[in-house]
C-alpha atoms as a PDB file:
ATOM      1  CA  MET A   1     -47.625  42.938 -67.195  1.00  0.00           C
ATOM      2  CA  ASN A   2     -44.467  41.293 -65.901  1.00  0.00           C
ATOM      3  CA  SER A   3     -42.364  44.274 -66.993  1.00  0.00           C
ATOM      4  CA  LEU A   4     -44.833  46.594 -65.290  1.00  0.00           C
ATOM      5  CA  LEU A   5     -44.391  44.656 -62.057  1.00  0.00           C
ATOM      6  CA  LEU A   6     -40.617  44.823 -62.451  1.00  0.00           C
ATOM      7  CA  ILE A   7     -40.788  48.562 -62.896  1.00  0.00           C
ATOM      8  CA  SER A   8     -43.066  48.840 -59.920  1.00  0.00           C
ATOM      9  CA  SER A   9     -40.774  46.590 -57.879  1.00  0.00           C
ATOM     10  CA  ASP A  10     -37.696  48.559 -58.951  1.00  0.00           C
ATOM     11  CA  THR A  11     -39.435  51.799 -58.096  1.00  0.00           C
ATOM     12  CA  ARG A  12     -40.323  50.488 -54.661  1.00  0.00           C
ATOM     13  CA  GLN A  13     -36.760  49.280 -54.137  1.00  0.00           C
ATOM     14  CA  THR A  14     -35.351  52.589 -55.366  1.00  0.00           C
ATOM     15  CA  GLY A  15     -37.784  54.487 -53.158  1.00  0.00           C
ATOM     16  CA  PHE A  16     -36.804  52.351 -50.166  1.00  0.00           C
ATOM     17  CA  TYR A  17     -33.113  52.863 -50.965  1.00  0.00           C
ATOM     18  CA  MET A  18     -33.620  56.631 -51.206  1.00  0.00           C
ATOM     19  CA  MET A  19     -35.519  56.649 -47.917  1.00  0.00           C
ATOM     20  CA  GLN A  20     -32.632  54.766 -46.271  1.00  0.00           C
ATOM     21  CA  GLN A  21     -30.157  57.255 -47.702  1.00  0.00           C
ATOM     22  CA  ASN A  22     -32.232  60.181 -46.443  1.00  0.00           C
ATOM     23  CA  ILE A  23     -32.407  58.667 -42.969  1.00  0.00           C
ATOM     24  CA  ILE A  24     -28.637  58.119 -42.968  1.00  0.00           C
ATOM     25  CA  ALA A  25     -28.050  61.690 -44.167  1.00  0.00           C
ATOM     26  CA  LEU A  26     -30.378  63.048 -41.491  1.00  0.00           C
ATOM     27  CA  ALA A  27     -28.613  61.011 -38.809  1.00  0.00           C
ATOM     28  CA  LEU A  28     -25.238  62.329 -39.979  1.00  0.00           C
ATOM     29  CA  CYS A  29     -26.529  65.907 -39.962  1.00  0.00           C
ATOM     30  CA  LEU A  30     -27.803  65.471 -36.415  1.00  0.00           C
ATOM     31  CA  LEU A  31     -24.487  63.947 -35.349  1.00  0.00           C
ATOM     32  CA  VAL A  32     -22.524  66.817 -36.894  1.00  0.00           C
ATOM     33  CA  PHE A  33     -24.855  69.365 -35.304  1.00  0.00           C
ATOM     34  CA  GLN A  34     -24.542  67.692 -31.921  1.00  0.00           C
ATOM     35  CA  GLN A  35     -20.760  67.534 -32.161  1.00  0.00           C
ATOM     36  CA  GLY A  36     -20.670  71.166 -33.206  1.00  0.00           C
ATOM     37  CA  ALA A  37     -22.841  72.136 -30.252  1.00  0.00           C
ATOM     38  CA  VAL A  38     -20.692  70.188 -27.802  1.00  0.00           C
ATOM     39  CA  ALA A  39     -17.254  71.137 -29.013  1.00  0.00           C
ATOM     40  CA  LYS A  40     -17.374  74.718 -30.204  1.00  0.00           C
ATOM     41  CA  PRO A  41     -13.849  76.109 -30.339  1.00  0.00           C
ATOM     42  CA  ASP A  42     -15.008  79.493 -29.044  1.00  0.00           C
ATOM     43  CA  SER A  43     -16.705  77.952 -26.016  1.00  0.00           C
ATOM     44  CA  GLU A  44     -13.552  76.083 -25.033  1.00  0.00           C
ATOM     45  CA  TYR A  45     -11.679  79.324 -24.480  1.00  0.00           C
ATOM     46  CA  LEU A  46     -12.748  81.886 -21.933  1.00  0.00           C
ATOM     47  CA  ASP A  47     -11.111  85.278 -21.870  1.00  0.00           C
ATOM     48  CA  TRP A  48     -10.791  85.368 -18.081  1.00  0.00           C
ATOM     49  CA  GLN A  49      -9.159  88.798 -18.072  1.00  0.00           C
ATOM     50  CA  ALA A  50     -12.035  90.411 -19.959  1.00  0.00           C
ATOM     51  CA  LEU A  51     -14.622  88.455 -17.991  1.00  0.00           C
ATOM     52  CA  LEU A  52     -13.271  89.408 -14.583  1.00  0.00           C
ATOM     53  CA  GLN A  53     -12.287  93.043 -15.297  1.00  0.00           C
ATOM     54  CA  ASP A  54     -15.852  94.181 -14.717  1.00  0.00           C
ATOM     55  CA  PRO A  55     -17.562  91.062 -13.357  1.00  0.00           C
ATOM     56  CA  ASP A  56     -21.318  90.739 -13.442  1.00  0.00           C
ATOM     57  CA  PRO A  57     -22.319  87.972 -11.026  1.00  0.00           C
ATOM     58  CA  VAL A  58     -25.477  87.166 -13.008  1.00  0.00           C
ATOM     59  CA  VAL A  59     -23.435  86.594 -16.177  1.00  0.00           C
ATOM     60  CA  LEU A  60     -20.894  84.521 -14.242  1.00  0.00           C
ATOM     61  CA  VAL A  61     -23.629  82.315 -12.743  1.00  0.00           C
ATOM     62  CA  ASN A  62     -25.332  81.857 -16.115  1.00  0.00           C
ATOM     63  CA  MET A  63     -22.047  80.764 -17.682  1.00  0.00           C
ATOM     64  CA  ALA A  64     -21.271  78.503 -14.736  1.00  0.00           C
ATOM     65  CA  SER A  65     -24.680  76.886 -15.035  1.00  0.00           C
ATOM     66  CA  GLN A  66     -24.025  76.146 -18.700  1.00  0.00           C
ATOM     67  CA  TYR A  67     -20.805  74.333 -17.802  1.00  0.00           C
ATOM     68  CA  GLU A  68     -22.393  72.534 -14.857  1.00  0.00           C
ATOM     69  CA  HIS A  69     -25.358  71.252 -16.874  1.00  0.00           C
ATOM     70  CA  ALA A  70     -23.636  70.856 -20.284  1.00  0.00           C
ATOM     71  CA  ASP A  71     -25.984  73.396 -21.832  1.00  0.00           C
ATOM     72  CA  GLY A  72     -24.448  74.127 -25.241  1.00  0.00           C
ATOM     73  CA  VAL A  73     -20.916  73.443 -24.027  1.00  0.00           C
ATOM     74  CA  ARG A  74     -19.027  70.428 -22.795  1.00  0.00           C
ATOM     75  CA  ARG A  75     -19.710  69.654 -19.111  1.00  0.00           C
ATOM     76  CA  ASP A  76     -16.852  71.036 -17.039  1.00  0.00           C
ATOM     77  CA  TYR A  77     -17.430  71.083 -13.284  1.00  0.00           C
ATOM     78  CA  SER A  78     -14.050  72.667 -12.626  1.00  0.00           C
ATOM     79  CA  ARG A  79     -14.843  75.637 -14.861  1.00  0.00           C
ATOM     80  CA  ALA A  80     -18.346  75.880 -13.384  1.00  0.00           C
ATOM     81  CA  ARG A  81     -16.851  75.988  -9.871  1.00  0.00           C
ATOM     82  CA  GLN A  82     -14.426  78.739 -10.894  1.00  0.00           C
ATOM     83  CA  LEU A  83     -17.223  80.860 -12.320  1.00  0.00           C
ATOM     84  CA  TYR A  84     -19.540  80.246  -9.366  1.00  0.00           C
ATOM     85  CA  CYS A  85     -16.681  81.115  -7.030  1.00  0.00           C
ATOM     86  CA  ALA A  86     -16.004  84.411  -8.790  1.00  0.00           C
ATOM     87  CA  ALA A  87     -19.674  85.360  -8.404  1.00  0.00           C
ATOM     88  CA  ALA A  88     -19.871  84.021  -4.829  1.00  0.00           C
ATOM     89  CA  ARG A  89     -16.909  86.158  -3.781  1.00  0.00           C
ATOM     90  CA  LEU A  90     -18.899  89.174  -4.969  1.00  0.00           C
ATOM     91  CA  GLY A  91     -21.547  88.201  -2.407  1.00  0.00           C
ATOM     92  CA  TYR A  92     -24.050  86.888  -4.949  1.00  0.00           C
ATOM     93  CA  ARG A  93     -26.227  84.470  -2.950  1.00  0.00           C
ATOM     94  CA  PRO A  94     -27.368  82.228  -5.845  1.00  0.00           C
ATOM     95  CA  ALA A  95     -23.698  81.572  -6.660  1.00  0.00           C
ATOM     96  CA  GLN A  96     -22.939  80.795  -3.008  1.00  0.00           C
ATOM     97  CA  ILE A  97     -25.804  78.300  -2.946  1.00  0.00           C
ATOM     98  CA  ARG A  98     -24.767  76.639  -6.241  1.00  0.00           C
ATOM     99  CA  LEU A  99     -21.166  76.407  -5.047  1.00  0.00           C
ATOM    100  CA  GLY A 100     -22.314  74.850  -1.770  1.00  0.00           C
ATOM    101  CA  TRP A 101     -24.463  72.440  -3.746  1.00  0.00           C
ATOM    102  CA  MET A 102     -21.520  71.370  -5.889  1.00  0.00           C
ATOM    103  CA  TYR A 103     -19.334  70.762  -2.828  1.00  0.00           C
ATOM    104  CA  SER A 104     -22.115  68.932  -0.956  1.00  0.00           C
ATOM    105  CA  ASN A 105     -22.633  66.555  -3.881  1.00  0.00           C
ATOM    106  CA  GLY A 106     -19.016  66.134  -4.904  1.00  0.00           C
ATOM    107  CA  LEU A 107     -19.506  67.570  -8.383  1.00  0.00           C
ATOM    108  CA  GLY A 108     -16.054  67.908  -9.899  1.00  0.00           C
ATOM    109  CA  ALA A 109     -14.322  67.822  -6.525  1.00  0.00           C
ATOM    110  CA  PRO A 110     -14.299  65.509  -3.532  1.00  0.00           C
ATOM    111  CA  ARG A 111     -17.432  65.857  -1.423  1.00  0.00           C
ATOM    112  CA  ASP A 112     -16.850  68.368   1.370  1.00  0.00           C
ATOM    113  CA  LEU A 113     -19.855  68.976   3.604  1.00  0.00           C
ATOM    114  CA  LEU A 114     -17.954  71.406   5.826  1.00  0.00           C
ATOM    115  CA  LEU A 115     -17.032  73.604   2.883  1.00  0.00           C
ATOM    116  CA  ALA A 116     -20.554  73.279   1.463  1.00  0.00           C
ATOM    117  CA  GLY A 117     -21.925  74.306   4.850  1.00  0.00           C
ATOM    118  CA  ALA A 118     -19.629  77.323   4.942  1.00  0.00           C
ATOM    119  CA  TRP A 119     -21.007  78.510   1.575  1.00  0.00           C
ATOM    120  CA  PHE A 120     -24.593  77.798   2.653  1.00  0.00           C
ATOM    121  CA  ARG A 121     -23.966  79.735   5.880  1.00  0.00           C
ATOM    122  CA  ALA A 122     -22.620  82.721   3.902  1.00  0.00           C
ATOM    123  CA  ALA A 123     -25.764  82.732   1.759  1.00  0.00           C
ATOM    124  CA  ALA A 124     -28.009  82.240   4.808  1.00  0.00           C
ATOM    125  CA  GLU A 125     -26.380  85.183   6.562  1.00  0.00           C
ATOM    126  CA  GLY A 126     -27.253  87.212   3.473  1.00  0.00           C
ATOM    127  CA  GLY A 127     -30.905  86.326   3.971  1.00  0.00           C
ATOM    128  CA  SER A 128     -31.402  83.248   1.776  1.00  0.00           C
ATOM    129  CA  LEU A 129     -34.157  80.971   3.069  1.00  0.00           C
ATOM    130  CA  GLN A 130     -33.074  78.212   0.675  1.00  0.00           C
ATOM    131  CA  ALA A 131     -29.541  78.337   2.078  1.00  0.00           C
ATOM    132  CA  ARG A 132     -30.898  78.097   5.651  1.00  0.00           C
ATOM    133  CA  LYS A 133     -32.872  74.990   4.692  1.00  0.00           C
ATOM    134  CA  LEU A 134     -29.862  73.367   3.032  1.00  0.00           C
ATOM    135  CA  LEU A 135     -27.711  74.266   6.008  1.00  0.00           C
ATOM    136  CA  ALA A 136     -30.230  72.669   8.384  1.00  0.00           C
ATOM    137  CA  PHE A 137     -30.165  69.542   6.221  1.00  0.00           C
ATOM    138  CA  ILE A 138     -26.388  69.041   6.111  1.00  0.00           C
ATOM    139  CA  GLY A 139     -25.540  70.620   9.466  1.00  0.00           C
ATOM    140  CA  ASP A 140     -23.841  73.841  10.463  1.00  0.00           C
ATOM    141  CA  PRO A 141     -20.048  73.694  10.049  1.00  0.00           C
ATOM    142  CA  PRO A 142     -17.721  74.905  12.821  1.00  0.00           C
ATOM    143  CA  ALA A 143     -17.573  78.698  13.146  1.00  0.00           C
ATOM    144  CA  ASP A 144     -13.923  78.773  12.100  1.00  0.00           C
ATOM    145  CA  ARG A 145     -14.727  77.086   8.777  1.00  0.00           C
ATOM    146  CA  GLN A 146     -14.756  79.909   6.232  1.00  0.00           C
ATOM    147  CA  PRO A 147     -16.035  79.647   2.670  1.00  0.00           C
ATOM    148  CA  ARG A 148     -13.237  79.296   0.176  1.00  0.00           C
ATOM    149  CA  CYS A 149     -12.772  78.064  -3.344  1.00  0.00           C
ATOM    150  CA  THR A 150     -10.829  74.951  -4.220  1.00  0.00           C
ATOM    151  CA  TYR A 151      -9.581  74.110  -7.677  1.00  0.00           C
ATOM    152  CA  ALA A 152      -8.863  70.534  -8.656  1.00  0.00           C
END
């Protein structure tokens, strides 16, 4: 009976050891997956020439949003601002609003309410109710303040 208990005890210890090993292996797999999702070599390089030859503002804003919110790529506010700016210059109101939002909150650049207001005003002039509300909240910038892109 003693040997049966030893076998049972060894089995429990072996089972516990195997469970620990499986948990460690699962944790390592998750870590590798997460690192792979954050630092994909392909996502670190944008072919700007190909992207901007025939720009689609919706595609630019979707990519910018991924960089702004770290959605599958490493968070990069500077890159997000560049992409939003490219779409905003095409007159795409959602990009103008997002760019104004980034400047009004100091995301990746010093906070600049005048520049944010200029982008909100551009979107509001295009008919965006959301931009008009944001503009009313932060205040209308001087008329000579034009929307522009800054790169840090």
